[in-house]
Amino acid sequence: MRILVVGGSGLIGAHVVDVLRAGGHAATTVARTAQPGVDHLLDVGSASVDDLRSLLAGHDGVVYATRTDEQRPLPKPIYPEFRRANVDPVVRLLTAARLEGLTRGVVMGSYYTYFDRLHPQWRLAERHTYIRCRLEQAREGRAAAGEGLAVAVLELPFVFGRAGDRLPNWAPPLDRWARSRTPLLAPTGGSAAASARSVAEVAVDALERASGADIPVADENLTWADMLARIADAVGRPRRVGRLPAGAARAALRLGGAAQALGRRESGVNPTYLGDLLLANLFIEPTSGRPLDPALRETFRSA
């Protein structure tokens, strides 16, 4: 196969490129900024269908591996901005891929869409703009692709790992916290987690099979306390993680939501309802069973 990887210099995209090439496939990379290993410079967020067609010509498939920070507060209303960032580029990309006769694609999505299917009573799309746009991304992207282009959506949890100097965008604050003298506190609940390498291997398998499925990805399910303890151990400051009362966690998040509202700002995941997610077990079953520790220690290195 010959695959175009959009976001090929990022954490997940770089691993997808490595797995493709290790499997004997050809990979072409696209990114917004010049870096070693980037074949084409293009801002896919503003590129036209014709711009994308010229890049996709001669390829068999495409991987969309860029992402938007769902936590960064923006001036209200944020839906148009999140749609421009998450939905419109995928629709244009898959429209161009269909017109060029590509047969397979992968979109790196969010595990929130998995939980939206599993727990409709949580009303995730109604409460969180980011999740609404992730659902629209998958639905409208597949509609643009048509029947001849199978598009798999990988529903991703916390992803650990490193690609050069690329790290998960949520890792630096946790790294500083784990290295500090501040006590480590965690509420109940937890999250699925995967390594960037595992995500890449699942993506390449989906491309090889021309899968059009929703694919939740997880190597392990971790409680928040277990995750923090393992991060502290990785940075060389092992210590006990205390319990943060659920009421305190909810109150702090609601206070943050109120402060955003006063400033007429919003974030993609609404802090008013974030406590409901934070205190839940956001676990994916089944997991791959692959050990997460190597990727965790890549992300959080000892001094």
Protein backbone atom coordinates (compact mmCIF):
# COMPACT_ATOMS: atom_id res chain seq x y z
CA MET A 1 0.00 0.00 0.00
CA ARG A 2 0.93 3.63 -0.46
CA ILE A 3 -0.50 5.72 2.39
CA LEU A 4 -0.62 9.48 2.97
CA VAL A 5 -0.24 10.27 6.68
CA VAL A 6 -1.64 13.68 7.63
CA GLY A 7 0.08 14.77 10.84
CA GLY A 8 2.95 12.42 10.04
CA SER A 9 5.40 14.27 12.30
CA GLY A 10 3.19 14.04 15.40
CA LEU A 11 3.30 11.49 18.18
CA ILE A 12 0.84 9.03 16.65
CA GLY A 13 1.50 9.89 13.02
CA ALA A 14 5.23 9.25 13.34
CA HIS A 15 4.56 5.80 14.79
CA VAL A 16 2.09 5.04 12.00
CA VAL A 17 4.78 5.90 9.45
CA ASP A 18 7.28 3.60 11.19
CA VAL A 19 4.83 0.68 11.32
CA LEU A 20 3.81 1.15 7.69
CA ARG A 21 7.40 1.15 6.47
CA ALA A 22 8.35 -1.79 8.69
CA GLY A 23 5.52 -3.72 7.02
CA GLY A 24 6.80 -2.99 3.52
CA HIS A 25 4.33 -0.21 2.75
CA ALA A 26 5.13 3.27 1.42
CA ALA A 27 4.25 6.28 3.57
CA THR A 28 4.09 9.94 2.52
CA THR A 29 3.95 12.51 5.33
CA VAL A 30 2.14 15.84 5.50
CA ALA A 31 2.53 18.39 8.31
CA ARG A 32 2.08 22.10 8.94
CA THR A 33 5.71 22.79 9.87
CA ALA A 34 8.97 21.69 8.33
CA GLN A 35 10.72 18.91 10.25
CA PRO A 36 13.00 16.03 9.31
CA GLY A 37 10.94 13.32 7.64
CA VAL A 38 8.11 15.61 6.49
CA ASP A 39 7.51 15.22 2.75
CA HIS A 40 4.90 17.96 2.19
CA LEU A 41 4.04 21.15 4.06
CA LEU A 42 0.33 21.92 4.17
CA ASP A 43 -2.16 23.24 6.69
CA VAL A 44 -4.93 20.70 6.20
CA GLY A 45 -7.22 22.86 8.30
CA SER A 46 -7.42 25.42 5.49
CA ALA A 47 -6.49 23.33 2.43
CA SER A 48 -9.04 23.02 -0.37
CA VAL A 49 -10.28 19.76 -1.86
CA ASP A 50 -8.15 20.46 -4.95
CA ASP A 51 -5.04 21.04 -2.79
CA LEU A 52 -5.66 17.71 -1.09
CA ARG A 53 -6.34 15.85 -4.32
CA SER A 54 -2.89 16.75 -5.63
CA LEU A 55 -1.32 15.20 -2.51
CA LEU A 56 -3.55 12.12 -2.51
CA ALA A 57 -3.08 11.24 -6.17
CA GLY A 58 -1.46 7.81 -6.55
CA HIS A 59 -2.12 6.70 -2.97
CA ASP A 60 -4.21 3.77 -1.80
CA GLY A 61 -5.18 5.16 1.59
CA VAL A 62 -4.97 8.07 4.01
CA VAL A 63 -4.52 8.50 7.77
CA TYR A 64 -5.75 11.60 9.57
CA ALA A 65 -3.65 11.94 12.72
CA THR A 66 -3.98 15.57 13.80
CA ARG A 67 -5.82 16.71 16.90
CA THR A 68 -7.30 19.73 18.69
CA ASP A 69 -6.84 20.71 22.33
CA GLU A 70 -10.30 20.15 23.80
CA GLN A 71 -9.43 21.81 27.14
CA ARG A 72 -8.23 25.24 25.94
CA PRO A 73 -10.89 27.88 26.74
CA LEU A 74 -12.07 29.95 23.77
CA PRO A 75 -14.50 32.87 23.48
CA LYS A 76 -18.14 31.82 23.12
CA PRO A 77 -19.57 30.37 20.96
CA ILE A 78 -16.94 27.68 20.45
CA TYR A 79 -18.89 25.28 18.25
CA PRO A 80 -17.96 26.98 14.94
CA GLU A 81 -14.26 26.92 15.88
CA PHE A 82 -14.34 23.28 16.96
CA ARG A 83 -16.19 22.32 13.80
CA ARG A 84 -13.63 24.14 11.66
CA ALA A 85 -10.83 22.33 13.49
CA ASN A 86 -12.30 18.83 13.79
CA VAL A 87 -15.01 18.24 11.20
CA ASP A 88 -14.45 20.34 8.09
CA PRO A 89 -10.85 19.22 7.38
CA VAL A 90 -11.85 15.55 7.57
CA VAL A 91 -14.82 16.09 5.25
CA ARG A 92 -12.61 17.84 2.68
CA LEU A 93 -9.84 15.24 3.02
CA LEU A 94 -12.15 12.27 2.55
CA THR A 95 -13.99 14.00 -0.29
CA ALA A 96 -10.64 14.43 -2.05
CA ALA A 97 -9.69 10.83 -1.25
CA ARG A 98 -12.93 9.55 -2.79
CA LEU A 99 -12.42 11.65 -5.92
CA GLU A 100 -8.88 10.25 -6.27
CA GLY A 101 -10.14 6.67 -5.94
CA LEU A 102 -8.57 5.79 -2.59
CA THR A 103 -10.06 2.69 -0.99
CA ARG A 104 -9.12 2.93 2.70
CA GLY A 105 -8.63 5.46 5.45
CA VAL A 106 -8.16 5.85 9.20
CA VAL A 107 -9.24 8.80 11.35
CA MET A 108 -7.76 9.14 14.83
CA GLY A 109 -10.77 9.88 16.99
CA SER A 110 -11.64 9.93 20.69
CA TYR A 111 -12.85 7.28 23.08
CA TYR A 112 -15.61 9.65 24.11
CA THR A 113 -17.52 8.48 21.02
CA TYR A 114 -17.22 4.93 22.35
CA PHE A 115 -18.73 5.99 25.67
CA ASP A 116 -21.44 7.95 23.87
CA ARG A 117 -22.57 4.67 22.26
CA LEU A 118 -22.19 2.75 25.51
CA HIS A 119 -23.89 5.30 27.79
CA PRO A 120 -26.38 7.46 25.84
CA GLN A 121 -27.84 8.57 29.19
CA TRP A 122 -24.66 10.56 29.81
CA ARG A 123 -25.74 13.00 27.04
CA LEU A 124 -22.12 13.59 26.11
CA ALA A 125 -22.69 15.25 22.75
CA GLU A 126 -25.27 17.61 24.26
CA ARG A 127 -22.97 18.63 27.12
CA HIS A 128 -19.56 18.73 25.44
CA THR A 129 -18.84 20.53 22.18
CA TYR A 130 -15.68 18.52 21.57
CA ILE A 131 -17.56 15.22 21.75
CA ARG A 132 -20.34 16.53 19.51
CA CYS A 133 -17.73 17.46 16.90
CA ARG A 134 -15.98 14.09 17.18
CA LEU A 135 -19.30 12.36 16.44
CA GLU A 136 -19.93 14.71 13.50
CA GLN A 137 -16.38 14.12 12.27
CA ALA A 138 -16.94 10.37 12.01
CA ARG A 139 -20.46 10.59 10.57
CA GLU A 140 -19.87 13.35 8.02
CA GLY A 141 -16.41 12.11 7.09
CA ARG A 142 -17.79 8.68 6.20
CA ALA A 143 -20.63 10.28 4.25
CA ALA A 144 -18.06 12.26 2.22
CA ALA A 145 -16.01 9.10 1.64
CA GLY A 146 -18.91 7.22 0.09
CA GLU A 147 -19.21 3.48 -0.32
CA GLY A 148 -15.93 2.82 -2.11
CA LEU A 149 -13.70 4.27 0.62
CA ALA A 150 -13.75 2.37 3.91
CA VAL A 151 -12.92 4.64 6.86
CA ALA A 152 -12.02 3.20 10.27
CA VAL A 153 -12.29 5.53 13.26
CA LEU A 154 -9.87 4.68 16.07
CA GLU A 155 -11.39 5.69 19.40
CA LEU A 156 -8.34 6.68 21.44
CA PRO A 157 -7.87 7.06 25.21
CA PHE A 158 -4.80 8.52 26.95
CA VAL A 159 -1.92 7.73 24.59
CA PHE A 160 1.56 7.33 26.09
CA GLY A 161 4.84 7.36 24.23
CA ARG A 162 7.34 9.59 22.49
CA ALA A 163 8.34 10.34 18.90
CA GLY A 164 11.53 12.39 18.88
CA ASP A 165 10.62 15.44 20.96
CA ARG A 166 6.89 14.87 20.49
CA LEU A 167 4.97 13.99 23.65
CA PRO A 168 1.28 13.83 24.56
CA ASN A 169 0.11 17.41 25.13
CA TRP A 170 -1.20 16.52 28.61
CA ALA A 171 2.11 15.01 29.77
CA PRO A 172 4.21 18.07 30.80
CA PRO A 173 1.89 19.24 33.65
CA LEU A 174 1.74 15.71 35.07
CA ASP A 175 5.50 15.40 34.75
CA ARG A 176 6.03 18.62 36.75
CA TRP A 177 3.52 17.53 39.38
CA ALA A 178 5.12 14.11 39.78
CA ARG A 179 8.58 15.69 40.22
CA SER A 180 7.40 18.33 42.68
CA ARG A 181 7.00 18.10 46.45
CA THR A 182 3.26 18.69 46.13
CA PRO A 183 1.21 15.74 47.42
CA LEU A 184 -0.28 13.49 44.77
CA LEU A 185 -4.06 13.23 45.08
CA ALA A 186 -6.48 11.36 42.85
CA PRO A 187 -10.25 10.89 42.89
CA THR A 188 -12.05 7.65 42.22
CA GLY A 189 -12.42 6.67 38.58
CA GLY A 190 -9.88 6.07 35.89
CA SER A 191 -9.21 5.74 32.20
CA ALA A 192 -8.18 3.39 29.47
CA ALA A 193 -4.68 3.97 28.11
CA ALA A 194 -2.62 2.83 25.13
CA SER A 195 0.85 3.29 23.71
CA ALA A 196 1.38 5.26 20.50
CA ARG A 197 2.95 2.13 19.01
CA SER A 198 -0.16 0.06 19.73
CA VAL A 199 -2.34 2.73 18.15
CA ALA A 200 -0.14 2.70 15.06
CA GLU A 201 -0.29 -1.08 14.78
CA VAL A 202 -4.10 -1.04 15.04
CA ALA A 203 -4.24 1.70 12.40
CA VAL A 204 -2.08 -0.21 9.93
CA ASP A 205 -4.07 -3.39 10.48
CA ALA A 206 -7.27 -1.44 9.74
CA LEU A 207 -5.71 -0.10 6.54
CA GLU A 208 -4.59 -3.55 5.43
CA ARG A 209 -8.08 -4.96 6.00
CA ALA A 210 -9.81 -1.85 4.56
CA SER A 211 -11.89 -1.76 7.73
CA GLY A 212 -14.72 0.72 8.08
CA ALA A 213 -15.34 0.03 11.76
CA ASP A 214 -15.30 2.07 14.95
CA ILE A 215 -12.31 0.61 16.81
CA PRO A 216 -11.82 1.41 20.52
CA VAL A 217 -8.13 1.01 21.44
CA ALA A 218 -6.72 0.22 24.90
CA ASP A 219 -3.71 -1.63 26.27
CA GLU A 220 -4.61 -1.24 29.96
CA ASN A 221 -7.33 0.26 32.15
CA LEU A 222 -5.86 2.38 34.96
CA THR A 223 -7.39 4.05 37.98
CA TRP A 224 -6.25 7.67 38.34
CA ALA A 225 -4.35 6.71 41.50
CA ASP A 226 -2.54 3.90 39.66
CA MET A 227 -1.69 6.19 36.75
CA LEU A 228 -0.23 8.88 39.03
CA ALA A 229 1.71 6.34 41.06
CA ARG A 230 3.27 4.84 37.94
CA ILE A 231 4.17 8.28 36.60
CA ALA A 232 5.82 9.21 39.91
CA ASP A 233 7.75 5.95 39.84
CA ALA A 234 8.86 6.59 36.24
CA VAL A 235 10.28 10.05 37.05
CA GLY A 236 12.16 8.67 40.04
CA ARG A 237 9.93 10.08 42.83
CA PRO A 238 7.82 7.11 43.93
CA ARG A 239 5.30 7.91 46.66
CA ARG A 240 1.82 7.21 47.88
CA VAL A 241 -1.13 8.75 46.05
CA GLY A 242 -3.80 10.09 48.41
CA ARG A 243 -7.54 10.13 47.83
CA LEU A 244 -9.18 13.33 46.57
CA PRO A 245 -12.80 13.38 47.77
CA ALA A 246 -15.33 13.21 44.96
CA GLY A 247 -17.14 16.27 46.30
CA ALA A 248 -13.96 18.35 46.23
CA ALA A 249 -13.22 17.31 42.64
CA ARG A 250 -16.74 18.16 41.49
CA ALA A 251 -16.73 21.52 43.32
CA ALA A 252 -13.40 22.57 41.82
CA LEU A 253 -14.51 21.72 38.30
CA ARG A 254 -17.86 23.46 38.70
CA LEU A 255 -16.06 26.53 40.01
CA GLY A 256 -13.88 26.45 36.88
CA GLY A 257 -17.01 26.19 34.73
CA ALA A 258 -18.56 29.18 36.51
CA ALA A 259 -15.38 31.22 36.02
CA GLN A 260 -15.37 30.40 32.29
CA ALA A 261 -19.02 31.39 32.00
CA LEU A 262 -18.36 34.75 33.68
CA GLY A 263 -15.59 35.37 31.18
CA ARG A 264 -17.85 34.31 28.31
CA ARG A 265 -15.49 31.49 27.45
CA GLU A 266 -15.95 27.76 26.93
CA SER A 267 -13.76 24.69 26.49
CA GLY A 268 -14.54 21.66 24.37
CA VAL A 269 -15.10 19.48 27.41
CA ASN A 270 -17.43 21.46 29.68
CA PRO A 271 -15.92 21.65 33.21
CA THR A 272 -19.41 21.84 34.73
CA TYR A 273 -19.98 18.22 33.67
CA LEU A 274 -16.37 17.07 33.61
CA GLY A 275 -16.67 15.72 37.16
CA ASP A 276 -19.13 13.11 35.91
CA LEU A 277 -16.47 11.84 33.50
CA LEU A 278 -13.53 12.22 35.86
CA LEU A 279 -15.15 10.10 38.55
CA ALA A 280 -16.31 7.37 36.15
CA ASN A 281 -14.34 4.32 35.07
CA LEU A 282 -13.66 5.26 31.45
CA PHE A 283 -12.50 1.74 30.70
CA ILE A 284 -12.46 -0.10 27.38
CA GLU A 285 -13.03 -3.84 27.18
CA PRO A 286 -11.35 -5.89 26.01
CA THR A 287 -7.85 -4.47 26.30
CA SER A 288 -4.96 -5.67 24.17
CA GLY A 289 -3.08 -6.94 27.23
CA ARG A 290 0.14 -5.32 26.01
CA PRO A 291 2.23 -3.82 28.83
CA LEU A 292 2.00 -0.05 29.01
CA ASP A 293 5.09 0.53 31.17
CA PRO A 294 7.63 0.89 28.30
CA ALA A 295 5.58 3.70 26.69
CA LEU A 296 4.90 5.26 30.11
CA ARG A 297 8.61 5.38 30.83
CA GLU A 298 9.28 6.88 27.40
CA THR A 299 6.83 9.66 28.24
CA PHE A 300 8.02 10.28 31.81
CA ARG A 301 11.77 9.82 32.10
CA SER A 302 13.73 9.78 35.31
CA ALA A 303 16.10 12.69 35.86
